PDB file of N, CA and C in Angstrom:
ATOM      1  N   MET A   1       0.856  -1.157   0.000  1.00  0.00           N
ATOM      2  CA  MET A   1       0.000   0.000   0.000  1.00  0.00           C
ATOM      3  C   MET A   1       0.905   1.225   0.000  1.00  0.00           C
ATOM      4  N   GLN A   2       0.707   2.072  -0.998  1.00  0.00           N
ATOM      5  CA  GLN A   2       1.608   3.199  -1.177  1.00  0.00           C
ATOM      6  C   GLN A   2       1.055   4.520  -0.626  1.00  0.00           C
ATOM      7  N   CYS A   3      -0.228   4.602  -0.429  1.00  0.00           N
ATOM      8  CA  CYS A   3      -0.869   5.852  -0.009  1.00  0.00           C
ATOM      9  C   CYS A   3      -0.848   5.972   1.519  1.00  0.00           C
ATOM     10  N   GLU A   4      -0.039   6.918   1.997  1.00  0.00           N
ATOM     11  CA  GLU A   4       0.079   7.127   3.448  1.00  0.00           C
ATOM     12  C   GLU A   4      -1.242   7.604   4.055  1.00  0.00           C
ATOM     13  N   ARG A   5      -1.976   8.399   3.302  1.00  0.00           N
ATOM     14  CA  ARG A   5      -3.268   8.888   3.790  1.00  0.00           C
ATOM     15  C   ARG A   5      -4.236   7.725   4.022  1.00  0.00           C
ATOM     16  N   LEU A   6      -4.291   6.788   3.071  1.00  0.00           N
ATOM     17  CA  LEU A   6      -5.171   5.634   3.213  1.00  0.00           C
ATOM     18  C   LEU A   6      -4.746   4.771   4.400  1.00  0.00           C
ATOM     19  N   ILE A   7      -3.458   4.581   4.566  1.00  0.00           N
ATOM     20  CA  ILE A   7      -2.965   3.782   5.698  1.00  0.00           C
ATOM     21  C   ILE A   7      -3.408   4.411   7.021  1.00  0.00           C
ATOM     22  N   LYS A   8      -3.239   5.729   7.132  1.00  0.00           N
ATOM     23  CA  LYS A   8      -3.637   6.428   8.354  1.00  0.00           C
ATOM     24  C   LYS A   8      -5.146   6.321   8.574  1.00  0.00           C
ATOM     25  N   GLN A   9      -5.926   6.459   7.498  1.00  0.00           N
ATOM     26  CA  GLN A   9      -7.381   6.359   7.625  1.00  0.00           C
ATOM     27  C   GLN A   9      -7.799   4.944   8.025  1.00  0.00           C
ATOM     28  N   ILE A  10      -7.170   3.942   7.438  1.00  0.00           N
ATOM     29  CA  ILE A  10      -7.508   2.557   7.777  1.00  0.00           C
ATOM     30  C   ILE A  10      -7.264   2.298   9.256  1.00  0.00           C
ATOM     31  N   LYS A  11      -6.152   2.796   9.764  1.00  0.00           N
ATOM     32  CA  LYS A  11      -5.868   2.614  11.190  1.00  0.00           C
ATOM     33  C   LYS A  11      -6.946   3.256  12.054  1.00  0.00           C
ATOM     34  N   GLY A  12      -7.363   4.457  11.685  1.00  0.00           N
ATOM     35  CA  GLY A  12      -8.423   5.139  12.427  1.00  0.00           C
ATOM     36  C   GLY A  12      -9.752   4.405  12.321  1.00  0.00           C
ATOM     37  N   TRP A  13     -10.083   3.980  11.100  1.00  0.00           N
ATOM     38  CA  TRP A  13     -11.339   3.248  10.907  1.00  0.00           C
ATOM     39  C   TRP A  13     -11.324   1.929  11.674  1.00  0.00           C
ATOM     40  N   TYR A  14     -10.179   1.246  11.658  1.00  0.00           N
ATOM     41  CA  TYR A  14     -10.086  -0.026  12.362  1.00  0.00           C
ATOM     42  C   TYR A  14     -10.270   0.171  13.867  1.00  0.00           C
ATOM     43  N   PHE A  15      -9.741   1.277  14.384  1.00  0.00           N
ATOM     44  CA  PHE A  15      -9.938   1.597  15.796  1.00  0.00           C
ATOM     45  C   PHE A  15     -11.432   1.702  16.106  1.00  0.00           C
ATOM     46  N   HIS A  16     -12.176   2.379  15.225  1.00  0.00           N
ATOM     47  CA  HIS A  16     -13.622   2.511  15.417  1.00  0.00           C
ATOM     48  C   HIS A  16     -14.324   1.161  15.300  1.00  0.00           C
ATOM     49  N   VAL A  17     -13.878   0.337  14.379  1.00  0.00           N
ATOM     50  CA  VAL A  17     -14.475  -1.003  14.232  1.00  0.00           C
ATOM     51  C   VAL A  17     -14.204  -1.821  15.491  1.00  0.00           C
ATOM     52  N   SER A  18     -12.993  -1.741  16.011  1.00  0.00           N
ATOM     53  CA  SER A  18     -12.636  -2.477  17.237  1.00  0.00           C
ATOM     54  C   SER A  18     -13.488  -2.045  18.423  1.00  0.00           C
ATOM     55  N   ASN A  19     -13.782  -0.756  18.480  1.00  0.00           N
ATOM     56  CA  ASN A  19     -14.608  -0.219  19.581  1.00  0.00           C
ATOM     57  C   ASN A  19     -16.101  -0.330  19.278  1.00  0.00           C
ATOM     58  N   GLU A  20     -16.409  -0.951  18.167  1.00  0.00           N
ATOM     59  CA  GLU A  20     -17.798  -1.163  17.743  1.00  0.00           C
ATOM     60  C   GLU A  20     -18.565   0.137  17.564  1.00  0.00           C
ATOM     61  N   THR A  21     -17.852   1.184  17.131  1.00  0.00           N
ATOM     62  CA  THR A  21     -18.515   2.443  16.809  1.00  0.00           C
ATOM     63  C   THR A  21     -18.647   2.623  15.297  1.00  0.00           C
ATOM     64  N   MET A  22     -18.145   1.653  14.536  1.00  0.00           N
ATOM     65  CA  MET A  22     -18.281   1.653  13.077  1.00  0.00           C
ATOM     66  C   MET A  22     -18.469   0.216  12.621  1.00  0.00           C
ATOM     67  N   ALA A  23     -19.355   0.037  11.668  1.00  0.00           N
ATOM     68  CA  ALA A  23     -19.584  -1.299  11.120  1.00  0.00           C
ATOM     69  C   ALA A  23     -18.419  -1.679  10.200  1.00  0.00           C
ATOM     70  N   PRO A  24     -17.986  -2.929  10.259  1.00  0.00           N
ATOM     71  CA  PRO A  24     -16.896  -3.372   9.380  1.00  0.00           C
ATOM     72  C   PRO A  24     -17.189  -3.146   7.900  1.00  0.00           C
ATOM     73  N   ALA A  25     -18.435  -3.360   7.482  1.00  0.00           N
ATOM     74  CA  ALA A  25     -18.794  -3.155   6.075  1.00  0.00           C
ATOM     75  C   ALA A  25     -18.628  -1.691   5.681  1.00  0.00           C
ATOM     76  N   ARG A  26     -18.901  -0.800   6.615  1.00  0.00           N
ATOM     77  CA  ARG A  26     -18.746   0.636   6.344  1.00  0.00           C
ATOM     78  C   ARG A  26     -17.263   0.969   6.162  1.00  0.00           C
ATOM     79  N   MET A  27     -16.405   0.352   6.962  1.00  0.00           N
ATOM     80  CA  MET A  27     -14.968   0.570   6.823  1.00  0.00           C
ATOM     81  C   MET A  27     -14.502   0.140   5.437  1.00  0.00           C
ATOM     82  N   VAL A  28     -14.931  -1.032   5.006  1.00  0.00           N
ATOM     83  CA  VAL A  28     -14.553  -1.527   3.679  1.00  0.00           C
ATOM     84  C   VAL A  28     -15.066  -0.583   2.598  1.00  0.00           C
ATOM     85  N   SER A  29     -16.271  -0.076   2.795  1.00  0.00           N
ATOM     86  CA  SER A  29     -16.846   0.867   1.839  1.00  0.00           C
ATOM     87  C   SER A  29     -16.003   2.139   1.753  1.00  0.00           C
ATOM     88  N   PHE A  30     -15.557   2.649   2.899  1.00  0.00           N
ATOM     89  CA  PHE A  30     -14.712   3.837   2.919  1.00  0.00           C
ATOM     90  C   PHE A  30     -13.375   3.574   2.209  1.00  0.00           C
ATOM     91  N   ILE A  31     -12.801   2.400   2.441  1.00  0.00           N
ATOM     92  CA  ILE A  31     -11.530   2.053   1.791  1.00  0.00           C
ATOM     93  C   ILE A  31     -11.711   2.034   0.281  1.00  0.00           C
ATOM     94  N   GLU A  32     -12.765   1.367  -0.178  1.00  0.00           N
ATOM     95  CA  GLU A  32     -13.003   1.266  -1.622  1.00  0.00           C
ATOM     96  C   GLU A  32     -13.275   2.634  -2.234  1.00  0.00           C
ATOM     97  N   LYS A  33     -14.024   3.481  -1.525  1.00  0.00           N
ATOM     98  CA  LYS A  33     -14.324   4.825  -2.034  1.00  0.00           C
ATOM     99  C   LYS A  33     -13.037   5.635  -2.167  1.00  0.00           C
ATOM    100  N   HIS A  34     -12.199   5.596  -1.134  1.00  0.00           N
ATOM    101  CA  HIS A  34     -10.937   6.333  -1.193  1.00  0.00           C
ATOM    102  C   HIS A  34     -10.075   5.824  -2.347  1.00  0.00           C
ATOM    103  N   ALA A  35      -9.976   4.500  -2.481  1.00  0.00           N
ATOM    104  CA  ALA A  35      -9.131   3.905  -3.522  1.00  0.00           C
ATOM    105  C   ALA A  35      -9.606   4.285  -4.921  1.00  0.00           C
ATOM    106  N   ALA A  36     -10.894   4.477  -5.090  1.00  0.00           N
ATOM    107  CA  ALA A  36     -11.449   4.821  -6.403  1.00  0.00           C
ATOM    108  C   ALA A  36     -11.221   6.282  -6.765  1.00  0.00           C
ATOM    109  N   GLU A  37     -10.950   7.125  -5.759  1.00  0.00           N
ATOM    110  CA  GLU A  37     -10.819   8.557  -6.006  1.00  0.00           C
ATOM    111  C   GLU A  37      -9.390   9.081  -5.884  1.00  0.00           C
ATOM    112  N   CYS A  38      -8.514   8.361  -5.250  1.00  0.00           N
ATOM    113  CA  CYS A  38      -7.157   8.832  -4.955  1.00  0.00           C
ATOM    114  C   CYS A  38      -6.204   8.485  -6.101  1.00  0.00           C
ATOM    115  N   SER A  39      -5.439   9.466  -6.564  1.00  0.00           N
ATOM    116  CA  SER A  39      -4.521   9.227  -7.686  1.00  0.00           C
ATOM    117  C   SER A  39      -3.386   8.265  -7.302  1.00  0.00           C
ATOM    118  N   ILE A  40      -2.939   8.331  -6.056  1.00  0.00           N
ATOM    119  CA  ILE A  40      -1.880   7.424  -5.604  1.00  0.00           C
ATOM    120  C   ILE A  40      -2.407   5.999  -5.560  1.00  0.00           C
ATOM    121  N   CYS A  41      -3.610   5.825  -5.042  1.00  0.00           N
ATOM    122  CA  CYS A  41      -4.210   4.487  -4.945  1.00  0.00           C
ATOM    123  C   CYS A  41      -4.521   3.916  -6.330  1.00  0.00           C
ATOM    124  N   LEU A  42      -4.964   4.762  -7.228  1.00  0.00           N
ATOM    125  CA  LEU A  42      -5.280   4.295  -8.591  1.00  0.00           C
ATOM    126  C   LEU A  42      -4.027   3.791  -9.308  1.00  0.00           C
ATOM    127  N   ALA A  43      -2.869   4.335  -8.950  1.00  0.00           N
ATOM    128  CA  ALA A  43      -1.616   3.918  -9.583  1.00  0.00           C
ATOM    129  C   ALA A  43      -0.983   2.705  -8.897  1.00  0.00           C
ATOM    130  N   ASP A  44      -1.498   2.314  -7.746  1.00  0.00           N
ATOM    131  CA  ASP A  44      -0.933   1.193  -6.981  1.00  0.00           C
ATOM    132  C   ASP A  44      -1.461  -0.132  -7.535  1.00  0.00           C
ATOM    133  N   PRO A  45      -0.583  -0.946  -8.146  1.00  0.00           N
ATOM    134  CA  PRO A  45      -1.048  -2.185  -8.783  1.00  0.00           C
ATOM    135  C   PRO A  45      -1.476  -3.276  -7.793  1.00  0.00           C
ATOM    136  N   ASP A  46      -0.980  -3.229  -6.573  1.00  0.00           N
ATOM    137  CA  ASP A  46      -1.277  -4.274  -5.585  1.00  0.00           C
ATOM    138  C   ASP A  46      -2.420  -3.920  -4.642  1.00  0.00           C
ATOM    139  N   LEU A  47      -2.963  -2.722  -4.775  1.00  0.00           N
ATOM    140  CA  LEU A  47      -3.945  -2.249  -3.810  1.00  0.00           C
ATOM    141  C   LEU A  47      -5.199  -3.120  -3.761  1.00  0.00           C
ATOM    142  N   GLN A  48      -5.704  -3.554  -4.899  1.00  0.00           N
ATOM    143  CA  GLN A  48      -6.945  -4.349  -4.896  1.00  0.00           C
ATOM    144  C   GLN A  48      -6.774  -5.657  -4.122  1.00  0.00           C
ATOM    145  N   LYS A  49      -5.623  -6.305  -4.276  1.00  0.00           N
ATOM    146  CA  LYS A  49      -5.367  -7.533  -3.516  1.00  0.00           C
ATOM    147  C   LYS A  49      -5.322  -7.245  -2.017  1.00  0.00           C
ATOM    148  N   GLU A  50      -4.728  -6.121  -1.665  1.00  0.00           N
ATOM    149  CA  GLU A  50      -4.644  -5.754  -0.252  1.00  0.00           C
ATOM    150  C   GLU A  50      -6.029  -5.419   0.304  1.00  0.00           C
ATOM    151  N   ILE A  51      -6.853  -4.762  -0.485  1.00  0.00           N
ATOM    152  CA  ILE A  51      -8.219  -4.465  -0.046  1.00  0.00           C
ATOM    153  C   ILE A  51      -8.996  -5.764   0.155  1.00  0.00           C
ATOM    154  N   GLU A  52      -8.809  -6.730  -0.745  1.00  0.00           N
ATOM    155  CA  GLU A  52      -9.465  -8.030  -0.601  1.00  0.00           C
ATOM    156  C   GLU A  52      -9.033  -8.723   0.691  1.00  0.00           C
ATOM    157  N   ARG A  53      -7.741  -8.674   0.989  1.00  0.00           N
ATOM    158  CA  ARG A  53      -7.241  -9.290   2.231  1.00  0.00           C
ATOM    159  C   ARG A  53      -7.837  -8.612   3.460  1.00  0.00           C
ATOM    160  N   ILE A  54      -7.873  -7.284   3.443  1.00  0.00           N
ATOM    161  CA  ILE A  54      -8.449  -6.542   4.568  1.00  0.00           C
ATOM    162  C   ILE A  54      -9.922  -6.901   4.716  1.00  0.00           C
ATOM    163  N   THR A  55     -10.630  -6.987   3.596  1.00  0.00           N
ATOM    164  CA  THR A  55     -12.052  -7.327   3.621  1.00  0.00           C
ATOM    165  C   THR A  55     -12.264  -8.698   4.247  1.00  0.00           C
ATOM    166  N   GLU A  56     -11.432  -9.667   3.878  1.00  0.00           N
ATOM    167  CA  GLU A  56     -11.553 -11.015   4.444  1.00  0.00           C
ATOM    168  C   GLU A  56     -11.304 -11.009   5.953  1.00  0.00           C
ATOM    169  N   ILE A  57     -10.404 -10.155   6.402  1.00  0.00           N
ATOM    170  CA  ILE A  57     -10.083 -10.087   7.831  1.00  0.00           C
ATOM    171  C   ILE A  57     -11.185  -9.357   8.593  1.00  0.00           C
ATOM    172  N   ILE A  58     -11.658  -8.254   8.053  1.00  0.00           N
ATOM    173  CA  ILE A  58     -12.606  -7.384   8.744  1.00  0.00           C
ATOM    174  C   ILE A  58     -14.025  -7.927   8.730  1.00  0.00           C
ATOM    175  N   LEU A  59     -14.488  -8.348   7.554  1.00  0.00           N
ATOM    176  CA  LEU A  59     -15.884  -8.765   7.431  1.00  0.00           C
ATOM    177  C   LEU A  59     -16.064 -10.235   7.753  1.00  0.00           C
ATOM    178  N   PRO A  60     -17.036 -10.555   8.569  1.00  0.00           N
ATOM    179  CA  PRO A  60     -17.359 -11.971   8.757  1.00  0.00           C
ATOM    180  C   PRO A  60     -17.936 -12.532   7.457  1.00  0.00           C
ATOM    181  N   GLU A  61     -17.825 -13.823   7.252  1.00  0.00           N
ATOM    182  CA  GLU A  61     -18.252 -14.466   6.012  1.00  0.00           C
ATOM    183  C   GLU A  61     -19.685 -14.100   5.635  1.00  0.00           C
ATOM    184  N   SER A  62     -20.564 -14.016   6.619  1.00  0.00           N
ATOM    185  CA  SER A  62     -21.970 -13.738   6.337  1.00  0.00           C
ATOM    186  C   SER A  62     -22.204 -12.314   5.851  1.00  0.00           C
ATOM    187  N   LYS A  63     -21.270 -11.403   6.075  1.00  0.00           N
ATOM    188  CA  LYS A  63     -21.454 -10.014   5.686  1.00  0.00           C
ATOM    189  C   LYS A  63     -20.826  -9.678   4.339  1.00  0.00           C
ATOM    190  N   ILE A  64     -20.027 -10.585   3.799  1.00  0.00           N
ATOM    191  CA  ILE A  64     -19.428 -10.359   2.493  1.00  0.00           C
ATOM    192  C   ILE A  64     -20.543 -10.463   1.461  1.00  0.00           C
ATOM    193  N   PRO A  65     -20.652  -9.514   0.541  1.00  0.00           N
ATOM    194  CA  PRO A  65     -21.724  -9.572  -0.450  1.00  0.00           C
ATOM    195  C   PRO A  65     -21.761 -10.922  -1.173  1.00  0.00           C
ATOM    196  N   LYS A  66     -22.964 -11.391  -1.460  1.00  0.00           N
ATOM    197  CA  LYS A  66     -23.153 -12.712  -2.048  1.00  0.00           C
ATOM    198  C   LYS A  66     -22.384 -12.864  -3.361  1.00  0.00           C
ATOM    199  N   ALA A  67     -22.374 -11.837  -4.192  1.00  0.00           N
ATOM    200  CA  ALA A  67     -21.668 -11.913  -5.469  1.00  0.00           C
ATOM    201  C   ALA A  67     -20.171 -12.120  -5.255  1.00  0.00           C
ATOM    202  N   VAL A  68     -19.611 -11.457  -4.255  1.00  0.00           N
ATOM    203  CA  VAL A  68     -18.181 -11.603  -3.956  1.00  0.00           C
ATOM    204  C   VAL A  68     -17.901 -13.010  -3.447  1.00  0.00           C
ATOM    205  N   ARG A  69     -18.773 -13.508  -2.552  1.00  0.00           N
ATOM    206  CA  ARG A  69     -18.581 -14.866  -2.035  1.00  0.00           C
ATOM    207  C   ARG A  69     -18.651 -15.889  -3.151  1.00  0.00           C
ATOM    208  N   MET A  70     -19.618 -15.721  -4.059  1.00  0.00           N
ATOM    209  CA  MET A  70     -19.772 -16.673  -5.162  1.00  0.00           C
ATOM    210  C   MET A  70     -18.540 -16.651  -6.065  1.00  0.00           C
ATOM    211  N   GLN A  71     -17.995 -15.463  -6.322  1.00  0.00           N
ATOM    212  CA  GLN A  71     -16.796 -15.353  -7.143  1.00  0.00           C
ATOM    213  C   GLN A  71     -15.611 -16.012  -6.451  1.00  0.00           C
ATOM    214  N   GLN A  72     -15.486 -15.821  -5.142  1.00  0.00           N
ATOM    215  CA  GLN A  72     -14.394 -16.450  -4.398  1.00  0.00           C
ATOM    216  C   GLN A  72     -14.525 -17.964  -4.434  1.00  0.00           C
ATOM    217  N   GLU A  73     -15.738 -18.468  -4.290  1.00  0.00           N
ATOM    218  CA  GLU A  73     -15.953 -19.914  -4.351  1.00  0.00           C
ATOM    219  C   GLU A  73     -15.616 -20.458  -5.731  1.00  0.00           C
ATOM    220  N   GLN A  74     -16.017 -19.734  -6.781  1.00  0.00           N
ATOM    221  CA  GLN A  74     -15.720 -20.153  -8.157  1.00  0.00           C
ATOM    222  C   GLN A  74     -14.210 -20.172  -8.389  1.00  0.00           C
ATOM    223  N   ASP A  75     -13.516 -19.135  -7.915  1.00  0.00           N
ATOM    224  CA  ASP A  75     -12.058 -19.085  -8.056  1.00  0.00           C
ATOM    225  C   ASP A  75     -11.402 -20.266  -7.353  1.00  0.00           C
ATOM    226  N   GLU A  76     -11.898 -20.596  -6.170  1.00  0.00           N
ATOM    227  CA  GLU A  76     -11.345 -21.720  -5.407  1.00  0.00           C
ATOM    228  C   GLU A  76     -11.570 -23.038  -6.137  1.00  0.00           C
ATOM    229  N   LEU A  77     -12.768 -23.218  -6.694  1.00  0.00           N
ATOM    230  CA  LEU A  77     -13.055 -24.448  -7.442  1.00  0.00           C
ATOM    231  C   LEU A  77     -12.148 -24.568  -8.663  1.00  0.00           C
ATOM    232  N   GLU A  78     -11.949 -23.469  -9.374  1.00  0.00           N
ATOM    233  CA  GLU A  78     -11.070 -23.483 -10.541  1.00  0.00           C
ATOM    234  C   GLU A  78      -9.631 -23.790 -10.137  1.00  0.00           C
ATOM    235  N   ARG A  79      -9.195 -23.215  -9.020  1.00  0.00           N
ATOM    236  CA  ARG A  79      -7.831 -23.456  -8.542  1.00  0.00           C
ATOM    237  C   ARG A  79      -7.650 -24.936  -8.179  1.00  0.00           C
ATOM    238  N   ARG A  80      -8.652 -25.503  -7.518  1.00  0.00           N
ATOM    239  CA  ARG A  80      -8.580 -26.924  -7.154  1.00  0.00           C
ATOM    240  C   ARG A  80      -8.589 -27.810  -8.392  1.00  0.00           C
ATOM    241  N   ALA A  81      -9.408 -27.465  -9.377  1.00  0.00           N
ATOM    242  CA  ALA A  81      -9.471 -28.247 -10.616  1.00  0.00           C
ATOM    243  C   ALA A  81      -8.128 -28.200 -11.342  1.00  0.00           C
ATOM    244  N   ALA A  82      -7.501 -27.043 -11.352  1.00  0.00           N
ATOM    245  CA  ALA A  82      -6.192 -26.913 -11.998  1.00  0.00           C
ATOM    246  C   ALA A  82      -5.150 -27.738 -11.265  1.00  0.00           C
ATOM    247  N   ASP A  83      -5.198 -27.735  -9.933  1.00  0.00           N
ATOM    248  CA  ASP A  83      -4.265 -28.541  -9.145  1.00  0.00           C
ATOM    249  C   ASP A  83      -4.465 -30.028  -9.414  1.00  0.00           C
ATOM    250  N   ASP A  84      -5.739 -30.442  -9.490  1.00  0.00           N
ATOM    251  CA  ASP A  84      -6.044 -31.851  -9.764  1.00  0.00           C
ATOM    252  C   ASP A  84      -5.544 -32.261 -11.149  1.00  0.00           C
ATOM    253  N   ASP A  85      -5.725 -31.385 -12.138  1.00  0.00           N
ATOM    254  CA  ASP A  85      -5.254 -31.681 -13.487  1.00  0.00           C
ATOM    255  C   ASP A  85      -3.737 -31.824 -13.520  1.00  0.00           C
ATOM    256  N   ASP A  86      -3.052 -30.953 -12.783  1.00  0.00           N
ATOM    257  CA  ASP A  86      -1.588 -31.028 -12.731  1.00  0.00           C
ATOM    258  C   ASP A  86      -1.141 -32.350 -12.116  1.00  0.00           C
ATOM    259  N   GLU A  87      -1.803 -32.782 -11.067  1.00  0.00           N
ATOM    260  CA  GLU A  87      -1.440 -34.043 -10.415  1.00  0.00           C
ATOM    261  C   GLU A  87      -1.703 -35.229 -11.339  1.00  0.00           C
ATOM    262  N   GLU A  88      -2.817 -35.207 -12.071  1.00  0.00           N
ATOM    263  CA  GLU A  88      -3.134 -36.294 -12.993  1.00  0.00           C
ATOM    264  C   GLU A  88      -2.114 -36.361 -14.114  1.00  0.00           C
ATOM    265  N   ASN A  89      -1.700 -35.217 -14.630  1.00  0.00           N
ATOM    266  CA  ASN A  89      -0.704 -35.190 -15.701  1.00  0.00           C
ATOM    267  C   ASN A  89       0.628 -35.737 -15.219  1.00  0.00           C
ATOM    268  N   ASP A  90       0.986 -35.433 -13.980  1.00  0.00           N
ATOM    269  CA  ASP A  90       2.228 -35.959 -13.423  1.00  0.00           C
ATOM    270  C   ASP A  90       2.164 -37.471 -13.321  1.00  0.00           C
ATOM    271  N   ASP A  91       1.012 -38.014 -12.878  1.00  0.00           N
ATOM    272  CA  ASP A  91       0.847 -39.463 -12.759  1.00  0.00           C
ATOM    273  C   ASP A  91       0.902 -40.133 -14.122  1.00  0.00           C
ATOM    274  N   GLU A  92       0.285 -39.539 -15.145  1.00  0.00           N
ATOM    275  CA  GLU A  92       0.300 -40.110 -16.484  1.00  0.00           C
ATOM    276  C   GLU A  92       1.709 -40.133 -17.045  1.00  0.00           C
ATOM    277  N   ASP A  93       2.489 -39.096 -16.793  1.00  0.00           N
ATOM    278  CA  ASP A  93       3.870 -39.058 -17.268  1.00  0.00           C
ATOM    279  C   ASP A  93       4.674 -40.184 -16.642  1.00  0.00           C
ATOM    280  N   ASP A  94       4.453 -40.453 -15.361  1.00  0.00           N
ATOM    281  CA  ASP A  94       5.166 -41.530 -14.684  1.00  0.00           C
ATOM    282  C   ASP A  94       4.805 -42.876 -15.292  1.00  0.00           C
ATOM    283  N   GLU A  95       3.527 -43.082 -15.616  1.00  0.00           N
ATOM    284  CA  GLU A  95       3.096 -44.338 -16.208  1.00  0.00           C
ATOM    285  C   GLU A  95       3.709 -44.534 -17.585  1.00  0.00           C
ATOM    286  N   ASP A  96       3.784 -43.461 -18.373  1.00  0.00           N
ATOM    287  CA  ASP A  96       4.384 -43.546 -19.700  1.00  0.00           C
ATOM    288  C   ASP A  96       5.848 -43.938 -19.604  1.00  0.00           C
ATOM    289  N   ASP A  97       6.552 -43.414 -18.608  1.00  0.00           N
ATOM    290  CA  ASP A  97       7.958 -43.748 -18.424  1.00  0.00           C
ATOM    291  C   ASP A  97       8.115 -45.230 -18.115  1.00  0.00           C
ATOM    292  N   ASP A  98       7.222 -45.782 -17.296  1.00  0.00           N
ATOM    293  CA  ASP A  98       7.289 -47.196 -16.947  1.00  0.00           C
ATOM    294  C   ASP A  98       7.072 -48.075 -18.181  1.00  0.00           C
ATOM    295  N   GLU A  99       6.133 -47.691 -19.047  1.00  0.00           N
ATOM    296  CA  GLU A  99       5.859 -48.467 -20.251  1.00  0.00           C
ATOM    297  C   GLU A  99       7.061 -48.478 -21.173  1.00  0.00           C
ATOM    298  N   ASP A 100       7.756 -47.356 -21.302  1.00  0.00           N
ATOM    299  CA  ASP A 100       8.940 -47.282 -22.142  1.00  0.00           C
ATOM    300  C   ASP A 100      10.034 -48.210 -21.619  1.00  0.00           C
ATOM    301  N   ASP A 101      10.170 -48.296 -20.320  1.00  0.00           N
ATOM    302  CA  ASP A 101      11.176 -49.172 -19.721  1.00  0.00           C
ATOM    303  C   ASP A 101      10.876 -50.627 -20.054  1.00  0.00           C
ATOM    304  N   ASP A 102       9.606 -51.020 -20.053  1.00  0.00           N
ATOM    305  CA  ASP A 102       9.225 -52.389 -20.380  1.00  0.00           C
ATOM    306  C   ASP A 102       9.602 -52.716 -21.815  1.00  0.00           C
ATOM    307  N   ASP A 103       9.402 -51.780 -22.727  1.00  0.00           N
ATOM    308  CA  ASP A 103       9.732 -52.016 -24.128  1.00  0.00           C
ATOM    309  C   ASP A 103      11.233 -52.252 -24.303  1.00  0.00           C
ATOM    310  N   ILE A 104      12.029 -51.529 -23.562  1.00  0.00           N
ATOM    311  CA  ILE A 104      13.475 -51.682 -23.666  1.00  0.00           C
ATOM    312  C   ILE A 104      13.883 -53.071 -23.191  1.00  0.00           C
ATOM    313  N   GLU A 105      13.300 -53.528 -22.095  1.00  0.00           N
ATOM    314  CA  GLU A 105      13.630 -54.857 -21.581  1.00  0.00           C
ATOM    315  C   GLU A 105      13.259 -55.937 -22.586  1.00  0.00           C
ATOM    316  N   ASP A 106      12.112 -55.805 -23.262  1.00  0.00           N
ATOM    317  CA  ASP A 106      11.696 -56.782 -24.258  1.00  0.00           C
ATOM    318  C   ASP A 106      12.683 -56.824 -25.418  1.00  0.00           C
ATOM    319  N   ASP A 107      13.195 -55.672 -25.820  1.00  0.00           N
ATOM    320  CA  ASP A 107      14.161 -55.618 -26.907  1.00  0.00           C
ATOM    321  C   ASP A 107      15.446 -56.348 -26.496  1.00  0.00           C
ATOM    322  N   ASP A 108      15.851 -56.214 -25.258  1.00  0.00           N
ATOM    323  CA  ASP A 108      17.059 -56.892 -24.781  1.00  0.00           C
ATOM    324  C   ASP A 108      16.894 -58.408 -24.877  1.00  0.00           C
ATOM    325  N   ASP A 109      15.688 -58.918 -24.545  1.00  0.00           N
ATOM    326  CA  ASP A 109      15.436 -60.356 -24.605  1.00  0.00           C
ATOM    327  C   ASP A 109      15.570 -60.852 -26.032  1.00  0.00           C
ATOM    328  N   ILE A 110      15.105 -60.088 -26.989  1.00  0.00           N
ATOM    329  CA  ILE A 110      15.177 -60.517 -28.395  1.00  0.00           C
ATOM    330  C   ILE A 110      16.624 -60.594 -28.828  1.00  0.00           C
ATOM    331  N   ILE A 111      17.418 -59.635 -28.436  1.00  0.00           N
ATOM    332  CA  ILE A 111      18.826 -59.620 -28.837  1.00  0.00           C
ATOM    333  C   ILE A 111      19.548 -60.826 -28.235  1.00  0.00           C
ATOM    334  N   GLU A 112      19.273 -61.170 -27.004  1.00  0.00           N
ATOM    335  CA  GLU A 112      19.939 -62.295 -26.358  1.00  0.00           C
ATOM    336  C   GLU A 112      19.578 -63.614 -27.036  1.00  0.00           C
ATOM    337  N   ASP A 113      18.336 -63.744 -27.536  1.00  0.00           N
ATOM    338  CA  ASP A 113      17.920 -64.988 -28.172  1.00  0.00           C
ATOM    339  C   ASP A 113      18.638 -65.239 -29.484  1.00  0.00           C
ATOM    340  N   ASP A 114      19.056 -64.210 -30.185  1.00  0.00           N
ATOM    341  CA  ASP A 114      19.728 -64.392 -31.477  1.00  0.00           C
ATOM    342  C   ASP A 114      21.073 -64.895 -31.237  1.00  0.00           C
TER     343      ASP A 114
END
């Protein structure tokens, strides 16, 4: 996070959230509003990921908007599917290597018989 003003505001907002004088969703809303209007924040390439992390920490699961939760679940499913595909490909490569070794042994037997 490159914007010192946003960092200072987040600390203040978090203090209010901790004291239960501000709703966590309101804090996230303030962060997003500032990020959308601030030239420093608009130029920060990592800010959206950091806002997502803060949102996950601040908001309980039930308060995260349904569309955001559904997108997070979809991303997780895709990530798991990609991991599963990678593992299957690794297993298939190992099996192919074993088959090649068998062919070599068979060729050796033919040579010995001659």
